[in-house]
Amino acid sequence: MITKEEITIKVPSEVAQAYRNATEDEREQLQLKIAAIMHSQFTTPRLESIARLRRTMDKASLEAQERGLTPAILESILNDDE
C-alpha cells in the first residue's frame, strides 16, 4: 500500500481556479500526472548516475582483465597485509 501525503505548490491563479473547478476525477488524474512527473524528475538523475557508475566499473574491470588481472591476482592483492 502506498501512503500519500499532501504538499503545497504555487501555480498561477488561473491554474488554481481551474483545479478547484475540476471534478474529483479530473483532480485525481492531475494528481497522478503531477506525481509521475515529480517522481521522474527526482529519480531519473539518480538512475542515470547508477548506470554511469556501472558502466565505469565494467570498463575498469574489462581493462584490468585485458592487462592480465585474474581473480587469483586480485585476491592476492586484496589479502596483502602491507
N, C-alpha and C. Protein backbone atom coordinates (compact mmCIF):
# COMPACT_ATOMS: atom_id res chain seq x y z
N MET A 1 0.84 -1.19 0.00
CA MET A 1 0.00 0.00 0.00
C MET A 1 0.88 1.24 0.00
N ILE A 2 0.61 2.15 -0.88
CA ILE A 2 1.36 3.39 -0.98
C ILE A 2 0.64 4.45 -0.17
N THR A 3 1.39 5.06 0.75
CA THR A 3 0.80 6.14 1.52
C THR A 3 0.95 7.44 0.73
N LYS A 4 0.01 8.31 0.92
CA LYS A 4 0.03 9.59 0.21
C LYS A 4 0.11 10.71 1.23
N GLU A 5 0.83 11.76 0.84
CA GLU A 5 0.94 12.95 1.66
C GLU A 5 0.55 14.16 0.83
N GLU A 6 0.04 15.13 1.49
CA GLU A 6 -0.35 16.37 0.83
C GLU A 6 0.84 17.33 0.84
N ILE A 7 1.07 17.97 -0.31
CA ILE A 7 2.08 19.02 -0.40
C ILE A 7 1.42 20.25 -1.00
N THR A 8 2.10 21.37 -0.91
CA THR A 8 1.58 22.61 -1.48
C THR A 8 2.57 23.11 -2.51
N ILE A 9 2.06 23.45 -3.69
CA ILE A 9 2.89 24.04 -4.73
C ILE A 9 2.23 25.31 -5.21
N LYS A 10 3.03 26.25 -5.67
CA LYS A 10 2.50 27.51 -6.17
C LYS A 10 2.31 27.41 -7.68
N VAL A 11 1.13 27.83 -8.12
CA VAL A 11 0.79 27.85 -9.55
C VAL A 11 0.11 29.17 -9.85
N PRO A 12 0.04 29.54 -11.12
CA PRO A 12 -0.69 30.77 -11.46
C PRO A 12 -2.16 30.69 -11.00
N SER A 13 -2.74 31.83 -10.70
CA SER A 13 -4.11 31.89 -10.18
C SER A 13 -5.11 31.17 -11.07
N GLU A 14 -4.97 31.34 -12.38
CA GLU A 14 -5.95 30.70 -13.28
C GLU A 14 -5.83 29.17 -13.25
N VAL A 15 -4.64 28.67 -13.00
CA VAL A 15 -4.45 27.22 -12.89
C VAL A 15 -5.11 26.74 -11.60
N ALA A 16 -4.91 27.47 -10.52
CA ALA A 16 -5.53 27.11 -9.25
C ALA A 16 -7.05 27.11 -9.36
N GLN A 17 -7.57 28.12 -10.01
CA GLN A 17 -9.03 28.21 -10.18
C GLN A 17 -9.56 27.06 -11.03
N ALA A 18 -8.86 26.72 -12.10
CA ALA A 18 -9.28 25.60 -12.95
C ALA A 18 -9.24 24.29 -12.16
N TYR A 19 -8.24 24.13 -11.31
CA TYR A 19 -8.14 22.93 -10.48
C TYR A 19 -9.32 22.85 -9.51
N ARG A 20 -9.62 23.97 -8.87
CA ARG A 20 -10.75 23.99 -7.93
C ARG A 20 -12.07 23.70 -8.63
N ASN A 21 -12.20 24.10 -9.88
CA ASN A 21 -13.43 23.89 -10.63
C ASN A 21 -13.51 22.51 -11.28
N ALA A 22 -12.43 21.76 -11.26
CA ALA A 22 -12.39 20.44 -11.89
C ALA A 22 -13.20 19.44 -11.05
N THR A 23 -13.63 18.38 -11.71
CA THR A 23 -14.33 17.33 -10.99
C THR A 23 -13.33 16.55 -10.14
N GLU A 24 -13.85 15.76 -9.22
CA GLU A 24 -12.98 14.94 -8.37
C GLU A 24 -12.13 14.00 -9.21
N ASP A 25 -12.71 13.40 -10.24
CA ASP A 25 -11.95 12.51 -11.13
C ASP A 25 -10.85 13.26 -11.87
N GLU A 26 -11.16 14.46 -12.35
CA GLU A 26 -10.15 15.27 -13.05
C GLU A 26 -9.01 15.64 -12.10
N ARG A 27 -9.35 16.02 -10.87
CA ARG A 27 -8.31 16.37 -9.89
C ARG A 27 -7.44 15.15 -9.58
N GLU A 28 -8.05 13.99 -9.44
CA GLU A 28 -7.28 12.78 -9.15
C GLU A 28 -6.33 12.45 -10.31
N GLN A 29 -6.81 12.59 -11.54
CA GLN A 29 -5.95 12.34 -12.70
C GLN A 29 -4.78 13.32 -12.74
N LEU A 30 -5.05 14.58 -12.44
CA LEU A 30 -3.98 15.59 -12.40
C LEU A 30 -2.97 15.27 -11.30
N GLN A 31 -3.45 14.84 -10.15
CA GLN A 31 -2.56 14.48 -9.05
C GLN A 31 -1.64 13.33 -9.47
N LEU A 32 -2.19 12.33 -10.15
CA LEU A 32 -1.39 11.20 -10.61
C LEU A 32 -0.34 11.65 -11.62
N LYS A 33 -0.73 12.53 -12.54
CA LYS A 33 0.21 13.03 -13.54
C LYS A 33 1.33 13.85 -12.90
N ILE A 34 0.97 14.72 -11.98
CA ILE A 34 1.97 15.54 -11.31
C ILE A 34 2.92 14.67 -10.50
N ALA A 35 2.38 13.67 -9.80
CA ALA A 35 3.22 12.76 -9.02
C ALA A 35 4.19 12.01 -9.93
N ALA A 36 3.71 11.57 -11.10
CA ALA A 36 4.57 10.85 -12.04
C ALA A 36 5.69 11.75 -12.56
N ILE A 37 5.35 12.99 -12.88
CA ILE A 37 6.36 13.94 -13.36
C ILE A 37 7.40 14.19 -12.29
N MET A 38 6.96 14.42 -11.06
CA MET A 38 7.89 14.70 -9.98
C MET A 38 8.76 13.47 -9.68
N HIS A 39 8.16 12.31 -9.69
CA HIS A 39 8.93 11.09 -9.45
C HIS A 39 10.00 10.93 -10.51
N SER A 40 9.64 11.17 -11.76
CA SER A 40 10.60 11.07 -12.86
C SER A 40 11.73 12.08 -12.70
N GLN A 41 11.41 13.29 -12.33
CA GLN A 41 12.41 14.34 -12.17
C GLN A 41 13.40 14.02 -11.05
N PHE A 42 12.91 13.39 -9.99
CA PHE A 42 13.77 13.14 -8.84
C PHE A 42 14.52 11.82 -8.92
N THR A 43 13.99 10.85 -9.66
CA THR A 43 14.65 9.54 -9.72
C THR A 43 15.52 9.36 -10.94
N THR A 44 15.22 10.02 -12.04
CA THR A 44 15.99 9.83 -13.27
C THR A 44 17.46 10.19 -13.09
N PRO A 45 17.81 11.33 -12.50
CA PRO A 45 19.24 11.63 -12.31
C PRO A 45 19.95 10.56 -11.47
N ARG A 46 19.28 10.06 -10.46
CA ARG A 46 19.88 9.02 -9.62
C ARG A 46 20.10 7.75 -10.43
N LEU A 47 19.09 7.35 -11.20
CA LEU A 47 19.23 6.14 -12.02
C LEU A 47 20.32 6.30 -13.07
N GLU A 48 20.40 7.50 -13.65
CA GLU A 48 21.46 7.76 -14.63
C GLU A 48 22.84 7.69 -13.98
N SER A 49 22.96 8.19 -12.77
CA SER A 49 24.23 8.13 -12.05
C SER A 49 24.62 6.69 -11.75
N ILE A 50 23.67 5.89 -11.35
CA ILE A 50 23.93 4.48 -11.07
C ILE A 50 24.37 3.77 -12.35
N ALA A 51 23.68 4.04 -13.46
CA ALA A 51 24.04 3.41 -14.74
C ALA A 51 25.45 3.84 -15.17
N ARG A 52 25.77 5.11 -14.99
CA ARG A 52 27.10 5.62 -15.35
C ARG A 52 28.18 4.95 -14.49
N LEU A 53 27.90 4.79 -13.19
CA LEU A 53 28.85 4.12 -12.30
C LEU A 53 29.06 2.67 -12.73
N ARG A 54 27.98 1.98 -13.08
CA ARG A 54 28.10 0.59 -13.52
C ARG A 54 28.94 0.49 -14.80
N ARG A 55 28.71 1.42 -15.73
CA ARG A 55 29.49 1.40 -16.98
C ARG A 55 30.98 1.64 -16.68
N THR A 56 31.26 2.56 -15.78
CA THR A 56 32.65 2.85 -15.40
C THR A 56 33.29 1.63 -14.75
N MET A 57 32.57 0.98 -13.86
CA MET A 57 33.10 -0.21 -13.20
C MET A 57 33.32 -1.35 -14.20
N ASP A 58 32.38 -1.52 -15.13
CA ASP A 58 32.54 -2.56 -16.16
C ASP A 58 33.76 -2.28 -17.03
N LYS A 59 33.95 -1.00 -17.38
CA LYS A 59 35.10 -0.64 -18.21
C LYS A 59 36.41 -0.90 -17.47
N ALA A 60 36.47 -0.52 -16.20
CA ALA A 60 37.68 -0.75 -15.39
C ALA A 60 37.96 -2.24 -15.26
N SER A 61 36.92 -3.01 -15.06
CA SER A 61 37.07 -4.47 -14.94
C SER A 61 37.60 -5.07 -16.24
N LEU A 62 37.04 -4.64 -17.36
CA LEU A 62 37.49 -5.15 -18.66
C LEU A 62 38.94 -4.78 -18.92
N GLU A 63 39.31 -3.53 -18.62
CA GLU A 63 40.69 -3.09 -18.82
C GLU A 63 41.65 -3.89 -17.94
N ALA A 64 41.25 -4.16 -16.69
CA ALA A 64 42.10 -4.93 -15.79
C ALA A 64 42.29 -6.35 -16.31
N GLN A 65 41.22 -6.94 -16.80
CA GLN A 65 41.32 -8.30 -17.35
C GLN A 65 42.19 -8.32 -18.60
N GLU A 66 42.05 -7.31 -19.44
CA GLU A 66 42.87 -7.24 -20.66
C GLU A 66 44.35 -7.09 -20.32
N ARG A 67 44.65 -6.49 -19.18
CA ARG A 67 46.04 -6.29 -18.75
C ARG A 67 46.56 -7.44 -17.89
N GLY A 68 45.76 -8.51 -17.79
CA GLY A 68 46.23 -9.71 -17.13
C GLY A 68 45.79 -9.92 -15.69
N LEU A 69 44.93 -9.07 -15.18
CA LEU A 69 44.47 -9.27 -13.81
C LEU A 69 43.52 -10.46 -13.77
N THR A 70 43.82 -11.40 -12.92
CA THR A 70 42.96 -12.58 -12.75
C THR A 70 42.34 -12.53 -11.37
N PRO A 71 41.29 -13.34 -11.14
CA PRO A 71 40.71 -13.38 -9.79
C PRO A 71 41.74 -13.75 -8.72
N ALA A 72 42.67 -14.65 -9.05
CA ALA A 72 43.69 -15.06 -8.08
C ALA A 72 44.62 -13.90 -7.75
N ILE A 73 45.04 -13.15 -8.76
CA ILE A 73 45.92 -11.99 -8.52
C ILE A 73 45.19 -10.94 -7.70
N LEU A 74 43.92 -10.69 -8.04
CA LEU A 74 43.14 -9.71 -7.30
C LEU A 74 43.00 -10.11 -5.84
N GLU A 75 42.71 -11.38 -5.60
CA GLU A 75 42.58 -11.87 -4.23
C GLU A 75 43.89 -11.69 -3.46
N SER A 76 45.00 -11.96 -4.13
CA SER A 76 46.31 -11.80 -3.51
C SER A 76 46.55 -10.34 -3.13
N ILE A 77 46.19 -9.44 -4.03
CA ILE A 77 46.34 -8.00 -3.77
C ILE A 77 45.47 -7.57 -2.59
N LEU A 78 44.25 -8.03 -2.58
CA LEU A 78 43.31 -7.65 -1.51
C LEU A 78 43.69 -8.24 -0.16
N ASN A 79 44.36 -9.40 -0.17
CA ASN A 79 44.75 -10.04 1.08
C ASN A 79 46.12 -9.62 1.56
N ASP A 80 46.82 -8.80 0.78
CA ASP A 80 48.15 -8.34 1.16
C ASP A 80 48.04 -7.44 2.38
N ASP A 81 48.74 -7.75 3.44
CA ASP A 81 48.65 -7.02 4.71
C ASP A 81 49.60 -5.85 4.83
N GLU A 82 50.24 -5.46 3.78
CA GLU A 82 51.22 -4.37 3.86
C GLU A 82 50.57 -3.06 4.09
